[in-house]
N, C-alpha and C. Protein backbone atom coordinates (compact mmCIF):
# COMPACT_ATOMS: atom_id res chain seq x y z
N MET A 1 98.74 160.77 223.17
CA MET A 1 97.80 159.45 223.25
C MET A 1 99.53 158.66 222.77
N SER A 2 99.76 157.71 223.62
CA SER A 2 100.42 156.64 223.73
C SER A 2 99.68 155.41 223.73
N SER A 3 99.82 154.13 223.03
CA SER A 3 99.87 153.15 223.34
C SER A 3 100.44 151.73 222.69
N THR A 4 100.68 150.50 223.26
CA THR A 4 101.10 149.59 222.98
C THR A 4 100.97 148.95 221.91
N HIS A 5 99.86 149.12 221.67
CA HIS A 5 99.25 148.47 220.00
C HIS A 5 98.74 149.09 219.09
N GLN A 6 98.92 150.74 219.25
CA GLN A 6 98.80 151.39 217.75
C GLN A 6 100.42 152.20 218.03
N GLU A 7 100.47 153.19 216.66
CA GLU A 7 101.82 154.52 216.48
C GLU A 7 100.75 155.20 216.00
N ARG A 8 101.14 156.64 215.96
CA ARG A 8 100.79 157.50 215.82
C ARG A 8 101.14 157.16 213.90
N HIS A 9 99.85 158.07 214.14
CA HIS A 9 99.88 158.32 211.71
C HIS A 9 100.96 159.52 211.82
N PRO A 10 102.00 159.64 210.81
CA PRO A 10 103.29 160.57 210.81
C PRO A 10 102.35 162.49 210.26
N PHE A 11 100.59 161.82 210.44
CA PHE A 11 100.29 163.36 209.82
C PHE A 11 99.13 163.37 210.32
N LEU A 12 98.19 162.21 210.11
CA LEU A 12 96.83 162.64 210.44
C LEU A 12 96.60 163.15 211.57
N ASP A 13 97.25 162.36 213.11
CA ASP A 13 97.01 162.76 214.01
C ASP A 13 97.49 164.06 214.20
N ASP A 14 97.94 164.44 214.03
CA ASP A 14 98.35 166.47 213.98
C ASP A 14 98.13 167.58 212.71
N LEU A 15 96.97 166.71 212.03
CA LEU A 15 96.31 167.90 210.81
C LEU A 15 95.24 169.23 212.07
N THR A 16 95.19 170.29 211.38
CA THR A 16 94.70 171.37 212.04
C THR A 16 93.39 171.18 211.05
N ALA A 17 92.22 171.81 211.55
CA ALA A 17 91.08 171.28 211.22
C ALA A 17 90.89 172.10 209.78
N GLU A 18 92.05 172.63 209.18
CA GLU A 18 91.73 173.19 208.19
C GLU A 18 93.02 173.97 207.48
N ALA A 19 93.82 171.87 207.52
CA ALA A 19 94.99 171.10 206.57
C ALA A 19 94.62 170.83 205.07
N GLU A 20 95.72 171.35 204.12
CA GLU A 20 95.67 170.75 203.06
C GLU A 20 96.40 170.20 202.44
N LEU A 21 95.83 169.17 201.78
CA LEU A 21 96.18 168.04 201.19
C LEU A 21 96.33 168.26 199.78
N ILE A 22 97.82 168.09 199.74
CA ILE A 22 98.15 168.09 197.99
C ILE A 22 98.52 167.15 197.07
N SER A 23 97.79 166.31 196.52
CA SER A 23 98.69 164.99 195.85
C SER A 23 98.84 164.80 194.22
N SER A 24 99.73 164.21 194.48
CA SER A 24 99.72 163.76 192.56
C SER A 24 98.24 163.10 191.71
N VAL A 25 97.75 162.54 192.69
CA VAL A 25 96.30 161.54 192.40
C VAL A 25 95.24 162.77 192.16
N LEU A 26 95.42 164.16 192.58
CA LEU A 26 93.78 164.50 192.60
C LEU A 26 94.71 166.34 191.86
N ARG A 27 93.45 167.13 191.44
CA ARG A 27 94.04 167.78 190.57
C ARG A 27 94.09 169.32 191.63
N GLY A 28 93.49 169.32 192.83
CA GLY A 28 93.45 170.16 193.00
C GLY A 28 93.82 170.19 194.77
N PRO A 29 93.75 170.77 195.69
CA PRO A 29 93.91 170.90 197.26
C PRO A 29 92.57 170.39 197.84
N VAL A 30 92.96 169.44 198.57
CA VAL A 30 91.75 168.62 199.67
C VAL A 30 92.31 169.19 200.99
N ILE A 31 91.12 170.30 201.25
CA ILE A 31 91.00 170.83 202.21
C ILE A 31 90.14 170.36 203.71
N GLY A 32 90.81 170.39 204.85
CA GLY A 32 89.89 169.47 206.03
C GLY A 32 90.83 168.85 206.68
N ARG A 33 90.92 168.17 208.08
CA ARG A 33 90.96 167.26 208.81
C ARG A 33 90.17 165.91 208.26
N GLU A 34 89.01 165.91 208.48
CA GLU A 34 88.26 164.50 207.97
C GLU A 34 88.28 164.39 206.00
N GLU A 35 88.33 165.85 205.11
CA GLU A 35 88.41 165.28 204.27
C GLU A 35 89.68 164.71 203.86
N ILE A 36 90.88 165.46 204.39
CA ILE A 36 92.10 164.38 203.92
C ILE A 36 92.23 162.33 204.71
N ARG A 37 91.41 162.79 206.03
CA ARG A 37 91.23 160.93 205.99
C ARG A 37 90.53 160.44 205.54
N ARG A 38 90.01 160.88 205.07
CA ARG A 38 88.84 159.82 203.79
C ARG A 38 89.62 159.69 202.40
N VAL A 39 90.59 160.50 202.01
CA VAL A 39 91.21 160.58 200.65
C VAL A 39 92.31 159.65 201.10
N VAL A 40 93.77 160.04 202.49
CA VAL A 40 94.34 158.47 203.19
C VAL A 40 94.10 156.98 202.76
N ASP A 41 92.62 157.56 203.76
CA ASP A 41 92.09 156.54 204.09
C ASP A 41 91.78 155.36 202.79
N ALA A 42 90.96 156.14 201.79
CA ALA A 42 90.77 155.72 200.43
C ALA A 42 92.32 154.49 199.80
N VAL A 43 93.43 155.56 199.44
CA VAL A 43 94.30 155.00 198.82
C VAL A 43 94.87 154.45 199.84
N GLY A 44 94.56 153.80 200.96
CA GLY A 44 95.18 153.25 201.79
C GLY A 44 94.85 151.21 201.25
N THR A 45 93.23 151.62 200.99
CA THR A 45 92.35 150.18 200.62
C THR A 45 93.11 150.16 199.54
N PHE A 46 93.98 150.89 197.90
CA PHE A 46 94.31 149.98 197.42
C PHE A 46 95.84 149.47 197.32
N TYR A 47 96.08 149.58 198.59
CA TYR A 47 97.36 149.33 198.62
C TYR A 47 98.20 147.70 199.06
N VAL A 48 98.76 146.64 198.17
CA VAL A 48 99.02 145.73 199.38
C VAL A 48 99.61 145.55 199.40
N GLU A 49 100.75 146.40 200.19
CA GLU A 49 101.63 146.20 200.67
C GLU A 49 102.36 147.50 200.59
N GLN A 50 103.00 148.24 201.87
CA GLN A 50 103.62 149.51 201.80
C GLN A 50 105.16 149.73 202.59
N THR A 51 106.04 150.15 201.67
CA THR A 51 107.24 150.00 202.45
C THR A 51 108.26 152.00 202.68
N PRO A 52 108.35 151.92 204.05
CA PRO A 52 109.00 153.40 204.22
C PRO A 52 110.22 153.03 203.58
N THR A 53 111.17 153.83 202.78
CA THR A 53 112.17 153.63 202.33
C THR A 53 113.40 154.91 203.31
N PHE A 54 112.54 155.92 203.70
CA PHE A 54 113.39 156.82 203.99
C PHE A 54 112.58 157.92 204.91
N MET A 55 113.35 158.42 205.78
CA MET A 55 112.28 159.17 206.43
C MET A 55 113.43 160.76 207.14
N GLU A 56 113.36 162.02 207.24
CA GLU A 56 114.54 162.62 207.39
C GLU A 56 113.26 164.21 208.16
N ILE A 57 113.63 164.56 209.64
CA ILE A 57 113.07 166.00 209.15
C ILE A 57 113.69 166.83 209.24
N VAL A 58 114.16 167.97 208.73
CA VAL A 58 114.35 168.96 208.76
C VAL A 58 113.76 170.36 209.20
N GLY A 59 114.25 170.68 210.20
CA GLY A 59 113.19 172.43 210.28
C GLY A 59 112.13 171.78 210.83
N SER A 60 110.78 172.64 210.09
CA SER A 60 109.80 172.52 209.99
C SER A 60 108.83 171.11 209.27
N ARG A 61 109.67 170.54 207.85
CA ARG A 61 109.43 170.01 207.40
C ARG A 61 110.04 168.32 208.14
N THR A 62 108.84 167.29 207.51
CA THR A 62 109.27 165.36 207.57
C THR A 62 108.95 165.43 206.26
N PHE A 63 110.15 164.70 205.65
CA PHE A 63 110.36 164.61 204.06
C PHE A 63 110.05 162.37 204.65
N LEU A 64 109.36 161.81 203.98
CA LEU A 64 109.01 160.73 204.20
C LEU A 64 108.87 160.20 202.48
N GLU A 65 109.42 159.53 202.39
CA GLU A 65 109.57 158.25 201.00
C GLU A 65 108.95 156.98 201.81
N TYR A 66 108.42 155.99 200.78
CA TYR A 66 107.86 154.95 200.16
C TYR A 66 107.37 154.45 199.38
N GLU A 67 107.52 152.45 199.15
CA GLU A 67 107.20 152.20 198.19
C GLU A 67 106.07 151.48 198.22
N ALA A 68 105.50 151.27 197.34
CA ALA A 68 103.90 150.55 197.78
C ALA A 68 103.25 149.76 196.29
N LEU A 69 103.49 148.48 196.90
CA LEU A 69 102.50 147.70 195.95
C LEU A 69 100.63 147.70 195.96
N LEU A 70 100.31 148.63 194.20
CA LEU A 70 98.95 148.14 194.11
C LEU A 70 98.06 147.27 194.46
N SER A 71 97.16 146.98 194.37
CA SER A 71 96.56 145.70 194.08
C SER A 71 96.13 145.86 192.50
N SER A 72 96.16 146.29 191.99
CA SER A 72 96.49 146.49 190.38
C SER A 72 97.44 146.21 190.25
N GLY A 73 98.38 145.44 191.42
CA GLY A 73 99.95 145.00 190.31
C GLY A 73 101.20 145.94 189.94
N GLU A 74 100.44 147.33 189.93
CA GLU A 74 101.69 148.23 189.60
C GLU A 74 102.35 148.48 191.28
N ARG A 75 103.68 148.86 190.76
CA ARG A 75 104.60 149.67 192.27
C ARG A 75 104.51 151.16 191.40
N LEU A 76 104.43 151.73 193.37
CA LEU A 76 104.26 153.03 193.42
C LEU A 76 105.22 153.53 194.19
N ASN A 77 106.32 154.96 193.79
CA ASN A 77 106.92 155.70 194.57
C ASN A 77 106.00 156.74 195.25
N ALA A 78 106.32 157.31 196.75
CA ALA A 78 106.05 158.73 196.88
C ALA A 78 106.66 158.73 197.72
N THR A 79 106.43 160.23 197.61
CA THR A 79 107.53 161.59 198.41
C THR A 79 106.30 162.66 199.29
N VAL A 80 105.74 161.79 200.52
CA VAL A 80 105.33 162.84 201.22
C VAL A 80 105.99 164.39 202.18
N ILE A 81 105.39 165.26 201.98
CA ILE A 81 106.36 166.25 202.57
C ILE A 81 105.62 166.74 203.60
N ILE A 82 105.62 167.09 205.03
CA ILE A 82 104.77 167.52 205.47
C ILE A 82 105.41 168.63 206.67
N ASP A 83 104.24 169.83 206.40
CA ASP A 83 104.83 170.38 206.99
C ASP A 83 104.29 171.15 208.63
N ARG A 84 105.12 171.69 209.19
CA ARG A 84 104.80 171.77 210.79
C ARG A 84 104.73 173.29 211.24
N HIS A 85 103.64 173.30 212.20
CA HIS A 85 103.66 174.51 213.37
C HIS A 85 104.96 174.48 214.19
N PRO A 86 105.00 175.08 214.74
CA PRO A 86 105.87 175.43 215.98
C PRO A 86 105.83 174.41 217.17
N ASP A 87 103.96 174.31 217.34
CA ASP A 87 103.05 173.61 218.15
C ASP A 87 103.19 172.27 217.67
N GLY A 88 103.61 171.98 216.85
CA GLY A 88 103.68 170.63 215.98
C GLY A 88 102.27 170.31 215.23
N SER A 89 101.49 170.54 215.40
CA SER A 89 99.83 170.28 214.15
C SER A 89 100.92 170.97 212.35
N ILE A 90 99.92 170.33 212.00
CA ILE A 90 100.17 170.30 210.76
C ILE A 90 99.36 171.11 208.93
N PRO A 91 99.28 172.02 208.63
CA PRO A 91 98.87 172.74 208.17
C PRO A 91 98.63 172.59 206.16
N ARG A 92 99.73 171.44 205.85
CA ARG A 92 99.46 171.13 204.94
C ARG A 92 100.74 169.25 204.99
N VAL A 93 100.28 168.82 204.02
CA VAL A 93 100.73 167.29 203.48
C VAL A 93 100.83 167.73 201.80
N SER A 94 101.94 167.37 201.03
CA SER A 94 102.29 167.48 199.82
C SER A 94 102.51 166.08 199.36
N VAL A 95 101.82 164.83 198.74
CA VAL A 95 102.25 163.58 198.51
C VAL A 95 102.55 163.79 197.17
N ARG A 96 103.51 163.76 196.18
CA ARG A 96 104.23 163.24 195.44
C ARG A 96 104.33 162.21 194.86
N MET A 97 103.75 161.53 193.50
CA MET A 97 104.04 159.44 193.40
C MET A 97 104.66 159.54 192.05
N ALA A 98 105.06 158.47 191.35
CA ALA A 98 105.66 157.64 190.62
C ALA A 98 105.28 156.79 190.56
N PRO A 99 105.26 156.05 189.36
CA PRO A 99 105.84 156.86 187.55
C PRO A 99 103.82 156.96 187.53
N VAL A 100 103.63 157.51 185.84
CA VAL A 100 102.90 157.97 185.87
C VAL A 100 101.92 156.84 185.27
N HIS A 101 102.25 155.98 185.12
CA HIS A 101 100.88 154.37 184.75
C HIS A 101 99.88 154.29 186.71
N ALA A 102 101.39 153.96 187.47
CA ALA A 102 100.62 153.93 188.79
C ALA A 102 100.21 155.00 189.44
N VAL A 103 100.53 156.10 189.14
CA VAL A 103 99.56 157.28 189.11
C VAL A 103 98.50 157.30 188.77
N VAL A 104 97.69 156.83 187.72
CA VAL A 104 96.54 157.32 187.10
C VAL A 104 95.63 155.93 187.57
N SER A 105 96.70 154.69 187.69
CA SER A 105 95.80 153.81 188.35
C SER A 105 95.11 154.24 189.32
N LEU A 106 95.90 154.69 190.39
CA LEU A 106 95.33 155.18 191.97
C LEU A 106 94.42 155.91 191.10
N ALA A 107 94.81 156.97 190.41
CA ALA A 107 93.58 158.23 190.83
C ALA A 107 92.21 157.55 190.45
N ASP A 108 92.39 156.41 189.04
CA ASP A 108 91.05 156.04 189.31
C ASP A 108 90.34 155.43 190.20
N HIS A 109 91.29 154.31 191.23
CA HIS A 109 90.30 153.75 191.62
C HIS A 109 90.02 155.21 193.10
N LEU A 110 90.75 155.50 193.12
CA LEU A 110 90.40 156.72 194.21
C LEU A 110 89.01 157.62 193.75
N LYS A 111 89.05 158.07 192.79
CA LYS A 111 87.93 158.27 191.90
C LYS A 111 86.75 157.57 191.99
N GLY A 112 86.76 156.48 191.59
CA GLY A 112 85.45 154.98 192.09
C GLY A 112 85.26 155.45 193.63
N ALA A 113 86.24 155.40 194.58
CA ALA A 113 85.43 155.40 195.93
C ALA A 113 84.93 156.62 196.25
N LEU A 114 85.51 157.72 195.87
CA LEU A 114 85.18 158.47 196.56
C LEU A 114 84.33 159.28 195.59
N SER A 115 83.58 159.54 194.49
CA SER A 115 82.82 159.86 194.13
C SER A 115 81.53 160.34 194.94
N GLY A 116 81.14 161.54 194.66
CA GLY A 116 80.11 161.87 195.36
C GLY A 116 80.42 162.38 197.34
N GLN A 117 81.63 162.11 197.37
CA GLN A 117 81.61 162.45 199.00
C GLN A 117 83.06 163.54 198.46
N LEU A 118 83.63 164.22 197.33
CA LEU A 118 84.50 164.91 197.29
C LEU A 118 84.17 165.20 196.16
N PRO A 119 83.89 167.22 195.66
CA PRO A 119 84.03 167.81 194.69
C PRO A 119 84.45 167.16 193.58
N LYS A 120 84.20 166.91 191.96
CA LYS A 120 84.30 165.81 191.35
C LYS A 120 85.00 166.45 190.43
N GLN A 121 85.46 168.01 190.40
CA GLN A 121 86.54 168.43 189.58
C GLN A 121 87.79 168.21 190.40
N LEU A 122 87.93 167.61 191.92
CA LEU A 122 89.17 167.15 192.42
C LEU A 122 89.84 166.11 191.57
N PHE A 123 88.76 164.69 190.80
CA PHE A 123 89.73 163.81 190.32
C PHE A 123 89.97 164.12 188.55
N LEU A 124 91.51 163.22 189.05
CA LEU A 124 91.94 162.98 187.62
C LEU A 124 90.90 162.54 186.28
């Protein structure tokens, strides 16, 4: 699917039905395409700006780094590791974020946005 108005997301468009998301802002994995989309969409609402700083594909993995400014005023650095099957589908995404004060702030916002939609034990 290509469009002159839309670009493909680096991983959301290719997630398997049982994909797994691991993130610094969660206590455990989020399983399932729709649940991962819900988390990624919610996190995006707390970003005032997001700037990609690096992307490289090594074998079956894509490494993506970005900087973001949170609505709370904090700066966040993130590294995303996207694992792909030979057919291009994605079974696993790992998102590591720093510094810790920005991670805690984002985790608090995420808990407020998604409480009741994801298991409470996932939230920091």
